[in-house]
Amino acid sequence: MTSVEITSSARFLKKLRAYFLLTKPRVIELLLIATVPAMILAAGGFPSIWLILATVFGGALSAGSANAFNCYIDSDIDKVMGRTKNRPLVTGELSHKEALIFAWAIGITSVIWFAVLINLLSAVLSLIAILFYVFVYTLGLKRRTPQNIVWGGAAGAMPAVIGWAAVTNELTVSAWVLFLIIFLWTPPHYWPLSMRYLEEYKEAGVPMLPVVAKNEKVGRQIILYAYAYLAATLLLIPVANMGLVYTIAAVLAGFWFTWESHRLYSEARIQVPKNPMRLFHASITHLTVLFLAIAIDPLIYI
């Protein structure tokens, strides 16, 4: 291989990596935690491997499209925030035109993928998730209200109902409780992150709740949502006829997360919390444990 070919290959791989990063893969990974467990619960067992892979791939395209649109729209914000300054549009690895074409391409592909290979309901839900995240959250709420992340959580809750719809081609009460769980999880997950990067959000002009409210109020809101989140996780037990594995996990992990929320609030009443990211990471652990239990529970009682 000549030096020219090596250079060309390196450029191609760098561009490919930039497109991959544009989709915010760590966010996608977190969202898709809910998809497979929701499918297992909906099926009352393990669905076909093909259906799981097809749904996860379509969901990744859908979430990736929404995130790419978000990077395109918020590139001005990303420039001034330390945690986002290395995104491809800020570094110049991708042009705005390339990002926009890519976002449209994988979004359309996602909807077609679901419609042709899975079912029409999952395709409609994929489209709704993209449109909601782009128009309601990114364009409508993010720069205008501290309630942005609350309602924006609806888009993040869509993978669970998409997974359910992929298996059953319908949405039952259980599916909507799964939606509610993730919807209520989002504020106590994201507000600690906002507390950590408070100054960056201020500089970017994004009115996250910690930017416009005192720490004590933010901590109080986190507790309220933590309790609502706990209630939703327990509601799934009678609604979906969950067994002992999920019940124990939901109760123990739920009270632990609620205790962590109280811990942050207690600190916020006195001073600026020293480590709000502790609750942020705890929320990820909790959601992972919860949905792992959702996946295991139906398999044990087949």
Protein backbone atom coordinates (compact mmCIF):
# COMPACT_ATOMS: atom_id res chain seq x y z
CA MET A 1 0.00 0.00 0.00
CA THR A 2 1.40 3.38 -1.02
CA SER A 3 1.69 6.38 1.28
CA VAL A 4 -1.11 8.07 -0.70
CA GLU A 5 -3.40 5.08 -0.13
CA ILE A 6 -2.54 4.99 3.56
CA THR A 7 -3.30 8.70 3.89
CA SER A 8 -6.58 8.25 2.01
CA SER A 9 -7.59 5.34 4.26
CA ALA A 10 -6.72 7.33 7.38
CA ARG A 11 -8.87 10.23 6.21
CA PHE A 12 -11.76 7.89 5.45
CA LEU A 13 -11.56 6.28 8.89
CA LYS A 14 -11.36 9.69 10.55
CA LYS A 15 -14.45 10.84 8.67
CA LEU A 16 -16.26 7.61 9.54
CA ARG A 17 -15.42 8.11 13.20
CA ALA A 18 -16.70 11.68 13.05
CA TYR A 19 -20.06 10.50 11.70
CA PHE A 20 -20.19 7.87 14.45
CA LEU A 21 -19.50 10.47 17.16
CA LEU A 22 -22.16 12.75 15.67
CA THR A 23 -24.78 10.20 16.76
CA LYS A 24 -23.66 10.51 20.43
CA PRO A 25 -23.04 6.75 20.81
CA ARG A 26 -22.88 6.87 24.62
CA VAL A 27 -26.36 8.38 24.70
CA ILE A 28 -27.62 5.72 22.26
CA GLU A 29 -26.13 2.99 24.42
CA LEU A 30 -28.02 4.31 27.42
CA LEU A 31 -31.30 4.59 25.52
CA LEU A 32 -31.07 1.09 24.08
CA ILE A 33 -30.65 -0.39 27.58
CA ALA A 34 -34.44 -0.32 27.71
CA THR A 35 -35.17 -1.83 24.30
CA VAL A 36 -34.24 -5.49 24.66
CA PRO A 37 -35.69 -5.94 28.19
CA ALA A 38 -38.94 -4.36 26.98
CA MET A 39 -39.00 -6.85 24.10
CA ILE A 40 -38.40 -9.81 26.43
CA LEU A 41 -41.17 -8.64 28.77
CA ALA A 42 -43.56 -8.11 25.85
CA ALA A 43 -42.83 -11.58 24.48
CA GLY A 44 -42.99 -13.27 27.87
CA GLY A 45 -39.71 -14.90 26.90
CA PHE A 46 -36.86 -14.43 24.47
CA PRO A 47 -37.93 -13.07 21.04
CA SER A 48 -36.11 -14.20 17.91
CA ILE A 49 -32.52 -13.02 17.62
CA TRP A 50 -33.35 -11.53 14.23
CA LEU A 51 -36.13 -9.39 15.69
CA ILE A 52 -33.91 -8.19 18.54
CA LEU A 53 -31.03 -7.27 16.23
CA ALA A 54 -33.35 -5.59 13.72
CA THR A 55 -35.07 -3.55 16.43
CA VAL A 56 -31.83 -2.50 18.11
CA PHE A 57 -30.33 -1.50 14.74
CA GLY A 58 -33.42 0.49 13.77
CA GLY A 59 -33.51 2.11 17.21
CA ALA A 60 -29.85 3.06 16.95
CA LEU A 61 -30.51 4.72 13.60
CA SER A 62 -33.51 6.58 15.03
CA ALA A 63 -31.67 7.82 18.13
CA GLY A 64 -28.58 8.58 16.05
CA SER A 65 -30.61 10.70 13.67
CA ALA A 66 -32.19 12.70 16.51
CA ASN A 67 -28.78 13.24 18.10
CA ALA A 68 -27.20 14.28 14.79
CA PHE A 69 -29.95 16.85 14.25
CA ASN A 70 -29.34 18.03 17.81
CA CYS A 71 -25.61 18.49 17.13
CA TYR A 72 -26.44 20.40 13.94
CA ILE A 73 -28.88 22.75 15.67
CA ASP A 74 -26.82 23.22 18.84
CA SER A 75 -23.37 23.59 17.29
CA ASP A 76 -23.23 27.17 18.58
CA ILE A 77 -23.85 25.95 22.13
CA ASP A 78 -21.39 23.09 21.79
CA LYS A 79 -18.61 25.58 20.95
CA VAL A 80 -18.79 27.26 24.34
CA MET A 81 -19.27 24.19 26.53
CA GLY A 82 -16.19 22.29 27.63
CA ARG A 83 -17.84 18.87 27.61
CA THR A 84 -19.06 19.29 24.01
CA LYS A 85 -16.25 21.28 22.41
CA ASN A 86 -14.77 18.15 20.79
CA ARG A 87 -17.88 17.22 18.85
CA PRO A 88 -17.32 16.84 15.07
CA LEU A 89 -19.09 20.05 14.02
CA VAL A 90 -17.10 22.10 16.52
CA THR A 91 -13.74 20.63 15.53
CA GLY A 92 -14.53 20.96 11.83
CA GLU A 93 -14.22 17.25 11.12
CA LEU A 94 -17.68 17.46 9.56
CA SER A 95 -19.38 20.36 7.81
CA HIS A 96 -22.91 21.43 8.72
CA LYS A 97 -24.10 20.21 5.32
CA GLU A 98 -22.57 16.77 5.87
CA ALA A 99 -24.16 16.54 9.31
CA LEU A 100 -27.59 17.56 8.07
CA ILE A 101 -27.56 15.11 5.15
CA PHE A 102 -26.41 12.33 7.46
CA ALA A 103 -29.12 13.10 10.04
CA TRP A 104 -31.83 13.01 7.36
CA ALA A 105 -30.41 9.86 5.77
CA ILE A 106 -30.28 7.68 8.86
CA GLY A 107 -33.59 9.06 10.15
CA ILE A 108 -35.43 8.15 6.95
CA THR A 109 -33.64 4.81 6.86
CA SER A 110 -34.80 4.10 10.41
CA VAL A 111 -38.46 4.70 9.60
CA ILE A 112 -38.30 2.63 6.41
CA TRP A 113 -36.39 -0.13 8.21
CA PHE A 114 -39.06 -0.46 10.89
CA ALA A 115 -41.95 -0.23 8.42
CA VAL A 116 -40.60 -2.84 6.01
CA LEU A 117 -38.84 -5.30 8.30
CA ILE A 118 -40.75 -5.04 11.60
CA ASN A 119 -44.14 -3.30 11.61
CA LEU A 120 -45.82 0.01 10.87
CA LEU A 121 -46.44 0.90 14.52
CA SER A 122 -42.75 0.76 15.40
CA ALA A 123 -42.00 2.88 12.32
CA VAL A 124 -44.49 5.54 13.42
CA LEU A 125 -43.04 5.55 16.94
CA SER A 126 -39.52 5.93 15.53
CA LEU A 127 -40.65 8.93 13.49
CA ILE A 128 -42.43 10.47 16.49
CA ALA A 129 -39.30 10.04 18.64
CA ILE A 130 -37.12 11.86 16.11
CA LEU A 131 -39.60 14.68 15.51
CA PHE A 132 -40.26 15.17 19.22
CA TYR A 133 -36.58 15.34 20.11
CA VAL A 134 -35.76 17.73 17.27
CA PHE A 135 -38.77 20.05 17.22
CA VAL A 136 -40.23 19.90 20.74
CA TYR A 137 -37.05 19.52 22.81
CA THR A 138 -34.14 20.92 20.80
CA LEU A 139 -35.90 23.73 18.90
CA GLY A 140 -38.85 24.37 21.22
CA LEU A 141 -37.85 23.86 24.85
CA LYS A 142 -34.11 23.62 25.37
CA ARG A 143 -33.27 27.32 25.13
CA ARG A 144 -36.57 28.61 26.52
CA THR A 145 -37.54 26.84 29.74
CA PRO A 146 -35.99 25.00 32.71
CA GLN A 147 -38.62 22.32 32.09
CA ASN A 148 -36.75 21.42 28.91
CA ILE A 149 -35.27 18.15 30.14
CA VAL A 150 -38.53 17.10 31.82
CA TRP A 151 -40.53 17.02 28.61
CA GLY A 152 -37.49 16.13 26.54
CA GLY A 153 -37.43 12.89 28.51
CA ALA A 154 -40.40 11.71 26.48
CA ALA A 155 -38.11 11.18 23.49
CA GLY A 156 -35.66 9.21 25.61
CA ALA A 157 -38.49 6.98 26.81
CA MET A 158 -39.48 5.95 23.29
CA PRO A 159 -37.00 3.03 22.86
CA ALA A 160 -38.93 1.00 25.44
CA VAL A 161 -42.28 1.39 23.69
CA ILE A 162 -40.65 0.85 20.28
CA GLY A 163 -39.22 -2.42 21.57
CA TRP A 164 -42.63 -3.43 22.91
CA ALA A 165 -44.37 -2.52 19.65
CA ALA A 166 -41.79 -4.46 17.63
CA VAL A 167 -42.84 -7.65 19.43
CA THR A 168 -46.58 -7.20 19.87
CA ASN A 169 -47.56 -4.59 17.25
CA GLU A 170 -49.60 -2.86 19.96
CA LEU A 171 -49.10 -0.71 23.04
CA THR A 172 -50.58 -2.00 26.29
CA VAL A 173 -50.65 -0.43 29.75
CA SER A 174 -47.39 -2.23 30.56
CA ALA A 175 -45.68 -0.52 27.64
CA TRP A 176 -46.79 2.89 28.86
CA VAL A 177 -45.60 2.14 32.40
CA LEU A 178 -42.16 1.37 30.91
CA PHE A 179 -42.39 4.72 29.13
CA LEU A 180 -43.33 6.43 32.40
CA ILE A 181 -40.40 4.85 34.24
CA ILE A 182 -37.83 6.33 31.86
CA PHE A 183 -39.71 9.62 31.58
CA LEU A 184 -39.60 10.11 35.37
CA TRP A 185 -36.00 8.87 35.58
CA THR A 186 -34.72 11.59 33.23
CA PRO A 187 -34.85 14.68 35.52
CA PRO A 188 -33.02 13.13 38.52
CA HIS A 189 -30.54 11.72 36.00
CA TYR A 190 -29.85 14.93 34.12
CA TRP A 191 -30.14 17.68 36.73
CA PRO A 192 -27.08 16.51 38.69
CA LEU A 193 -25.11 16.70 35.43
CA SER A 194 -26.45 20.22 34.94
CA MET A 195 -25.28 21.12 38.45
CA ARG A 196 -21.80 19.85 37.61
CA TYR A 197 -21.63 21.92 34.42
CA LEU A 198 -23.60 24.87 35.74
CA GLU A 199 -21.20 27.58 34.55
CA GLU A 200 -21.02 26.11 31.06
CA TYR A 201 -24.81 26.08 30.73
CA LYS A 202 -24.88 29.68 31.96
CA GLU A 203 -22.32 30.73 29.37
CA ALA A 204 -24.23 28.90 26.64
CA GLY A 205 -27.50 30.56 27.66
CA VAL A 206 -29.33 27.28 28.29
CA PRO A 207 -31.81 27.69 31.19
CA MET A 208 -31.35 24.30 32.84
CA LEU A 209 -33.05 24.21 36.25
CA PRO A 210 -29.76 24.56 38.21
CA VAL A 211 -29.02 27.72 36.18
CA VAL A 212 -32.25 29.51 37.10
CA ALA A 213 -33.03 28.04 40.55
CA LYS A 214 -31.24 27.73 43.87
CA ASN A 215 -29.50 24.47 44.70
CA GLU A 216 -32.04 23.68 47.40
CA LYS A 217 -34.93 23.92 44.94
CA VAL A 218 -33.10 21.73 42.43
CA GLY A 219 -32.44 19.17 45.13
CA ARG A 220 -36.10 19.23 46.17
CA GLN A 221 -37.23 18.69 42.59
CA ILE A 222 -34.80 15.78 42.24
CA ILE A 223 -36.29 14.14 45.33
CA LEU A 224 -39.86 14.57 44.06
CA TYR A 225 -39.00 12.98 40.75
CA ALA A 226 -37.01 10.23 42.48
CA TYR A 227 -40.11 9.28 44.49
CA ALA A 228 -42.32 9.43 41.40
CA TYR A 229 -39.77 7.30 39.57
CA LEU A 230 -39.78 4.77 42.41
CA ALA A 231 -43.59 4.65 42.33
CA ALA A 232 -43.56 3.99 38.58
CA THR A 233 -41.05 1.14 38.96
CA LEU A 234 -43.28 -0.44 41.62
CA LEU A 235 -46.40 0.11 39.51
CA LEU A 236 -44.95 -2.24 36.90
CA ILE A 237 -45.19 -5.15 39.38
CA PRO A 238 -49.01 -5.49 39.35
CA VAL A 239 -49.51 -4.12 35.84
CA ALA A 240 -47.08 -6.52 34.12
CA ASN A 241 -47.42 -9.32 36.70
CA MET A 242 -43.72 -9.15 37.54
CA GLY A 243 -42.10 -11.86 39.62
CA LEU A 244 -39.78 -11.99 42.60
CA VAL A 245 -36.57 -11.07 40.73
CA TYR A 246 -37.91 -7.75 39.48
CA THR A 247 -39.78 -7.01 42.70
CA ILE A 248 -36.67 -7.37 44.87
CA ALA A 249 -34.53 -5.38 42.43
CA ALA A 250 -37.11 -2.59 42.11
CA VAL A 251 -37.57 -2.24 45.87
CA LEU A 252 -33.92 -2.44 46.93
CA ALA A 253 -32.43 -0.44 44.06
CA GLY A 254 -35.30 2.04 44.26
CA PHE A 255 -34.77 2.83 47.92
CA TRP A 256 -31.03 3.10 47.36
CA PHE A 257 -31.52 5.63 44.57
CA THR A 258 -34.03 7.57 46.64
CA TRP A 259 -31.52 7.67 49.50
CA GLU A 260 -28.84 9.00 47.14
CA SER A 261 -31.29 11.71 46.02
CA HIS A 262 -31.89 12.70 49.65
CA ARG A 263 -28.14 12.80 50.17
CA LEU A 264 -27.73 15.32 47.36
CA TYR A 265 -30.64 17.40 48.65
CA SER A 266 -29.21 17.50 52.17
CA GLU A 267 -25.95 18.83 50.81
CA ALA A 268 -27.68 21.29 48.46
CA ARG A 269 -29.54 22.89 51.40
CA ILE A 270 -26.23 23.93 52.93
CA GLN A 271 -23.81 24.48 50.06
CA VAL A 272 -23.09 23.78 46.42
CA PRO A 273 -22.96 19.97 46.14
CA LYS A 274 -19.34 18.86 45.86
CA ASN A 275 -20.04 15.79 43.76
CA PRO A 276 -23.45 15.90 42.03
CA MET A 277 -22.12 13.42 39.46
CA ARG A 278 -22.41 10.73 42.13
CA LEU A 279 -26.19 10.80 41.66
CA PHE A 280 -25.79 11.04 37.88
CA HIS A 281 -23.77 7.82 37.81
CA ALA A 282 -26.09 6.22 40.36
CA SER A 283 -29.04 6.90 38.06
CA ILE A 284 -27.33 5.05 35.21
CA THR A 285 -26.52 2.12 37.48
CA HIS A 286 -30.07 2.03 38.78
CA LEU A 287 -31.67 2.06 35.34
CA THR A 288 -29.32 -0.68 34.16
CA VAL A 289 -30.09 -2.89 37.17
CA LEU A 290 -33.82 -2.26 36.83
CA PHE A 291 -34.02 -3.17 33.15
CA LEU A 292 -31.71 -6.14 33.63
CA ALA A 293 -34.23 -7.38 36.19
CA ILE A 294 -37.04 -6.72 33.70
CA ALA A 295 -35.19 -8.91 31.19
CA ILE A 296 -34.39 -11.73 33.62
CA ASP A 297 -37.76 -11.93 35.37
CA PRO A 298 -39.85 -13.30 32.44
CA LEU A 299 -37.11 -15.79 31.50
CA ILE A 300 -37.15 -17.36 34.97
CA TYR A 301 -40.89 -17.85 35.10
CA ILE A 302 -41.41 -19.25 31.57
